[in-house]
Amino acid sequence: MITKYMTRVFVKFSPFGKEAKTARLIMASVPPKQRILGTKMVQELITDPNQDPMVKVTFKDKKEMEYNLRETNFEELSNLFDTHSRKLKIVETIQNQ
């Protein structure tokens, strides 16, 4: 997963639910160096079973992507985030020329 263009990652999940694996994989995919350089990581644990687990990512262009963790798996989320990151990479390449 391309994390260079992420500025904030918010993950809300139940540690005992089926979605916990996806949430942990998302949090683990952001390398420690990226966290030091400015990507803010926020985790919130759900205690109420009626709340939906979710992931919300904010990119450098201020675009926010929010998904329900019960409806998507890690591979789908990774592909969705990578698609937008590739667009930002192309824009960055064009601006640097």
N, C-alpha and C. Protein backbone atom coordinates (compact mmCIF):
# COMPACT_ATOMS: atom_id res chain seq x y z
N MET A 1 0.84 -1.16 0.00
CA MET A 1 0.00 0.00 0.00
C MET A 1 0.89 1.24 0.00
N ILE A 2 0.58 2.19 -0.86
CA ILE A 2 1.35 3.43 -0.97
C ILE A 2 0.86 4.39 0.12
N THR A 3 1.72 4.69 1.07
CA THR A 3 1.32 5.52 2.20
C THR A 3 1.97 6.91 2.17
N LYS A 4 2.77 7.18 1.19
CA LYS A 4 3.52 8.44 1.13
C LYS A 4 2.60 9.67 1.10
N TYR A 5 1.44 9.55 0.51
CA TYR A 5 0.56 10.70 0.31
C TYR A 5 -0.55 10.78 1.36
N MET A 6 -0.52 9.93 2.37
CA MET A 6 -1.52 9.95 3.43
C MET A 6 -1.08 10.91 4.53
N THR A 7 -2.02 11.72 5.03
CA THR A 7 -1.70 12.62 6.13
C THR A 7 -2.36 12.18 7.43
N ARG A 8 -3.47 11.45 7.33
CA ARG A 8 -4.17 11.01 8.54
C ARG A 8 -4.87 9.69 8.26
N VAL A 9 -4.72 8.75 9.18
CA VAL A 9 -5.40 7.46 9.09
C VAL A 9 -6.18 7.26 10.38
N PHE A 10 -7.49 7.18 10.27
CA PHE A 10 -8.36 6.98 11.42
C PHE A 10 -9.01 5.60 11.28
N VAL A 11 -8.84 4.76 12.30
CA VAL A 11 -9.39 3.40 12.27
C VAL A 11 -10.23 3.21 13.53
N LYS A 12 -11.49 2.82 13.33
CA LYS A 12 -12.39 2.53 14.44
C LYS A 12 -12.85 1.08 14.28
N PHE A 13 -12.56 0.25 15.30
CA PHE A 13 -12.87 -1.16 15.17
C PHE A 13 -13.03 -1.81 16.54
N SER A 14 -13.65 -2.97 16.53
CA SER A 14 -13.75 -3.79 17.73
C SER A 14 -12.60 -4.80 17.71
N PRO A 15 -11.81 -4.89 18.77
CA PRO A 15 -10.66 -5.79 18.74
C PRO A 15 -11.06 -7.27 18.69
N PHE A 16 -12.32 -7.56 18.98
CA PHE A 16 -12.77 -8.96 18.98
C PHE A 16 -13.64 -9.30 17.79
N GLY A 17 -13.88 -8.34 16.90
CA GLY A 17 -14.72 -8.57 15.73
C GLY A 17 -13.92 -9.15 14.57
N LYS A 18 -14.66 -9.56 13.53
CA LYS A 18 -14.01 -10.12 12.34
C LYS A 18 -13.20 -9.07 11.59
N GLU A 19 -13.59 -7.81 11.74
CA GLU A 19 -12.92 -6.73 11.03
C GLU A 19 -11.59 -6.33 11.67
N ALA A 20 -11.27 -6.89 12.82
CA ALA A 20 -10.04 -6.51 13.54
C ALA A 20 -8.79 -6.82 12.71
N LYS A 21 -8.81 -7.91 11.98
CA LYS A 21 -7.64 -8.27 11.17
C LYS A 21 -7.38 -7.21 10.10
N THR A 22 -8.44 -6.79 9.43
CA THR A 22 -8.30 -5.76 8.40
C THR A 22 -7.78 -4.46 9.00
N ALA A 23 -8.33 -4.08 10.15
CA ALA A 23 -7.91 -2.84 10.81
C ALA A 23 -6.44 -2.90 11.20
N ARG A 24 -6.02 -4.01 11.73
CA ARG A 24 -4.62 -4.15 12.15
C ARG A 24 -3.67 -4.15 10.95
N LEU A 25 -4.09 -4.76 9.86
CA LEU A 25 -3.26 -4.75 8.66
C LEU A 25 -3.10 -3.34 8.10
N ILE A 26 -4.17 -2.56 8.16
CA ILE A 26 -4.09 -1.18 7.68
C ILE A 26 -3.13 -0.38 8.54
N MET A 27 -3.25 -0.52 9.85
CA MET A 27 -2.36 0.21 10.76
C MET A 27 -0.91 -0.25 10.60
N ALA A 28 -0.69 -1.52 10.37
CA ALA A 28 0.66 -2.05 10.22
C ALA A 28 1.29 -1.67 8.89
N SER A 29 0.46 -1.34 7.89
CA SER A 29 1.01 -1.02 6.58
C SER A 29 1.63 0.37 6.51
N VAL A 30 1.35 1.21 7.49
CA VAL A 30 1.99 2.53 7.55
C VAL A 30 3.31 2.36 8.29
N PRO A 31 4.43 2.54 7.59
CA PRO A 31 5.73 2.30 8.23
C PRO A 31 6.03 3.33 9.32
N PRO A 32 6.85 2.93 10.29
CA PRO A 32 7.20 3.86 11.39
C PRO A 32 7.83 5.17 10.91
N LYS A 33 8.64 5.10 9.88
CA LYS A 33 9.27 6.32 9.35
C LYS A 33 8.20 7.29 8.83
N GLN A 34 7.17 6.75 8.21
CA GLN A 34 6.09 7.60 7.69
C GLN A 34 5.32 8.25 8.83
N ARG A 35 5.15 7.54 9.93
CA ARG A 35 4.47 8.10 11.10
C ARG A 35 5.28 9.25 11.68
N ILE A 36 6.60 9.12 11.68
CA ILE A 36 7.47 10.18 12.20
C ILE A 36 7.42 11.40 11.28
N LEU A 37 7.33 11.16 9.98
CA LEU A 37 7.35 12.25 9.01
C LEU A 37 6.02 13.01 8.94
N GLY A 38 4.99 12.56 9.63
CA GLY A 38 3.78 13.38 9.66
C GLY A 38 2.46 12.68 9.44
N THR A 39 2.42 11.42 9.15
CA THR A 39 1.14 10.74 9.01
C THR A 39 0.58 10.48 10.40
N LYS A 40 -0.56 11.07 10.68
CA LYS A 40 -1.17 10.94 12.00
C LYS A 40 -2.02 9.67 12.03
N MET A 41 -1.77 8.83 13.01
CA MET A 41 -2.51 7.58 13.19
C MET A 41 -3.44 7.73 14.39
N VAL A 42 -4.72 7.46 14.18
CA VAL A 42 -5.71 7.53 15.26
C VAL A 42 -6.47 6.21 15.27
N GLN A 43 -6.48 5.56 16.44
CA GLN A 43 -7.24 4.33 16.60
C GLN A 43 -8.31 4.55 17.66
N GLU A 44 -9.48 4.03 17.39
CA GLU A 44 -10.57 4.10 18.35
C GLU A 44 -11.18 2.71 18.48
N LEU A 45 -11.31 2.24 19.70
CA LEU A 45 -11.90 0.93 19.93
C LEU A 45 -13.41 1.07 20.13
N ILE A 46 -14.15 0.16 19.55
CA ILE A 46 -15.61 0.15 19.66
C ILE A 46 -16.00 -0.78 20.80
N THR A 47 -16.81 -0.28 21.70
CA THR A 47 -17.35 -1.13 22.76
C THR A 47 -18.83 -1.43 22.53
N ASP A 48 -19.49 -0.61 21.72
CA ASP A 48 -20.89 -0.81 21.40
C ASP A 48 -21.00 -1.63 20.11
N PRO A 49 -21.63 -2.80 20.16
CA PRO A 49 -21.72 -3.64 18.95
C PRO A 49 -22.58 -3.04 17.84
N ASN A 50 -23.34 -1.98 18.13
CA ASN A 50 -24.18 -1.36 17.11
C ASN A 50 -23.41 -0.37 16.24
N GLN A 51 -22.23 0.04 16.68
CA GLN A 51 -21.42 0.96 15.88
C GLN A 51 -20.73 0.21 14.76
N ASP A 52 -20.60 0.88 13.64
CA ASP A 52 -19.93 0.26 12.50
C ASP A 52 -18.42 0.52 12.56
N PRO A 53 -17.61 -0.50 12.32
CA PRO A 53 -16.16 -0.29 12.22
C PRO A 53 -15.85 0.42 10.90
N MET A 54 -14.89 1.32 10.93
CA MET A 54 -14.59 2.08 9.73
C MET A 54 -13.13 2.50 9.68
N VAL A 55 -12.72 2.82 8.47
CA VAL A 55 -11.40 3.40 8.25
C VAL A 55 -11.61 4.67 7.43
N LYS A 56 -10.91 5.72 7.84
CA LYS A 56 -11.02 7.01 7.15
C LYS A 56 -9.60 7.53 6.92
N VAL A 57 -9.26 7.73 5.65
CA VAL A 57 -7.91 8.17 5.29
C VAL A 57 -8.01 9.54 4.62
N THR A 58 -7.17 10.46 5.08
CA THR A 58 -7.07 11.79 4.48
C THR A 58 -5.73 11.87 3.74
N PHE A 59 -5.79 12.34 2.49
CA PHE A 59 -4.60 12.44 1.67
C PHE A 59 -4.08 13.88 1.65
N LYS A 60 -2.91 14.09 1.06
CA LYS A 60 -2.28 15.41 1.03
C LYS A 60 -3.11 16.43 0.26
N ASP A 61 -3.95 15.99 -0.66
CA ASP A 61 -4.80 16.92 -1.41
C ASP A 61 -6.13 17.16 -0.70
N LYS A 62 -6.23 16.77 0.56
CA LYS A 62 -7.39 16.95 1.44
C LYS A 62 -8.58 16.05 1.09
N LYS A 63 -8.38 15.11 0.20
CA LYS A 63 -9.45 14.16 -0.11
C LYS A 63 -9.55 13.13 1.02
N GLU A 64 -10.77 12.86 1.44
CA GLU A 64 -11.01 11.88 2.50
C GLU A 64 -11.74 10.69 1.90
N MET A 65 -11.27 9.51 2.26
CA MET A 65 -11.92 8.27 1.83
C MET A 65 -12.32 7.51 3.08
N GLU A 66 -13.59 7.13 3.16
CA GLU A 66 -14.12 6.46 4.34
C GLU A 66 -14.82 5.18 3.90
N TYR A 67 -14.48 4.07 4.58
CA TYR A 67 -15.05 2.78 4.23
C TYR A 67 -15.42 2.00 5.48
N ASN A 68 -16.46 1.20 5.34
CA ASN A 68 -16.90 0.32 6.42
C ASN A 68 -16.05 -0.95 6.37
N LEU A 69 -15.48 -1.32 7.49
CA LEU A 69 -14.59 -2.50 7.53
C LEU A 69 -15.35 -3.82 7.44
N ARG A 70 -16.64 -3.81 7.70
CA ARG A 70 -17.43 -5.04 7.57
C ARG A 70 -17.71 -5.37 6.11
N GLU A 71 -17.68 -4.36 5.26
CA GLU A 71 -18.05 -4.55 3.85
C GLU A 71 -16.85 -4.73 2.93
N THR A 72 -15.65 -4.38 3.39
CA THR A 72 -14.47 -4.47 2.53
C THR A 72 -13.34 -5.20 3.25
N ASN A 73 -12.48 -5.80 2.46
CA ASN A 73 -11.32 -6.47 3.06
C ASN A 73 -10.06 -5.64 2.78
N PHE A 74 -8.94 -6.10 3.29
CA PHE A 74 -7.70 -5.34 3.19
C PHE A 74 -7.26 -5.14 1.74
N GLU A 75 -7.38 -6.16 0.92
CA GLU A 75 -6.94 -6.06 -0.48
C GLU A 75 -7.74 -4.99 -1.22
N GLU A 76 -9.05 -4.96 -1.00
CA GLU A 76 -9.88 -3.96 -1.67
C GLU A 76 -9.52 -2.55 -1.20
N LEU A 77 -9.35 -2.39 0.11
CA LEU A 77 -8.98 -1.08 0.63
C LEU A 77 -7.62 -0.64 0.11
N SER A 78 -6.68 -1.56 0.09
CA SER A 78 -5.35 -1.24 -0.40
C SER A 78 -5.40 -0.78 -1.86
N ASN A 79 -6.17 -1.47 -2.67
CA ASN A 79 -6.31 -1.08 -4.09
C ASN A 79 -6.95 0.29 -4.23
N LEU A 80 -7.98 0.57 -3.42
CA LEU A 80 -8.65 1.87 -3.49
C LEU A 80 -7.71 3.00 -3.08
N PHE A 81 -6.97 2.80 -2.00
CA PHE A 81 -6.04 3.83 -1.54
C PHE A 81 -4.88 4.00 -2.52
N ASP A 82 -4.40 2.90 -3.08
CA ASP A 82 -3.30 2.97 -4.04
C ASP A 82 -3.71 3.70 -5.32
N THR A 83 -4.95 3.53 -5.74
CA THR A 83 -5.42 4.22 -6.94
C THR A 83 -5.32 5.73 -6.77
N HIS A 84 -5.77 6.22 -5.63
CA HIS A 84 -5.69 7.67 -5.41
C HIS A 84 -4.24 8.11 -5.20
N SER A 85 -3.45 7.31 -4.53
CA SER A 85 -2.04 7.65 -4.32
C SER A 85 -1.29 7.73 -5.65
N ARG A 86 -1.62 6.86 -6.58
CA ARG A 86 -0.97 6.92 -7.90
C ARG A 86 -1.33 8.20 -8.64
N LYS A 87 -2.58 8.64 -8.50
CA LYS A 87 -3.00 9.91 -9.12
C LYS A 87 -2.19 11.06 -8.53
N LEU A 88 -2.00 11.04 -7.21
CA LEU A 88 -1.22 12.10 -6.57
C LEU A 88 0.25 12.03 -6.99
N LYS A 89 0.75 10.83 -7.21
CA LYS A 89 2.13 10.68 -7.65
C LYS A 89 2.32 11.26 -9.04
N ILE A 90 1.35 11.05 -9.92
CA ILE A 90 1.42 11.60 -11.28
C ILE A 90 1.40 13.12 -11.22
N VAL A 91 0.52 13.68 -10.40
CA VAL A 91 0.44 15.14 -10.26
C VAL A 91 1.76 15.69 -9.72
N GLU A 92 2.34 15.00 -8.74
CA GLU A 92 3.61 15.44 -8.17
C GLU A 92 4.73 15.39 -9.20
N THR A 93 4.74 14.35 -10.03
CA THR A 93 5.76 14.21 -11.07
C THR A 93 5.64 15.34 -12.09
N ILE A 94 4.41 15.66 -12.46
CA ILE A 94 4.19 16.74 -13.44
C ILE A 94 4.62 18.08 -12.86
N GLN A 95 4.32 18.33 -11.60
CA GLN A 95 4.68 19.61 -10.98
C GLN A 95 6.18 19.77 -10.80
N ASN A 96 6.90 18.67 -10.62
CA ASN A 96 8.35 18.74 -10.40
C ASN A 96 9.13 18.91 -11.69
N GLN A 97 8.49 18.78 -12.82
CA GLN A 97 9.24 18.91 -14.09
C GLN A 97 9.36 20.34 -14.52
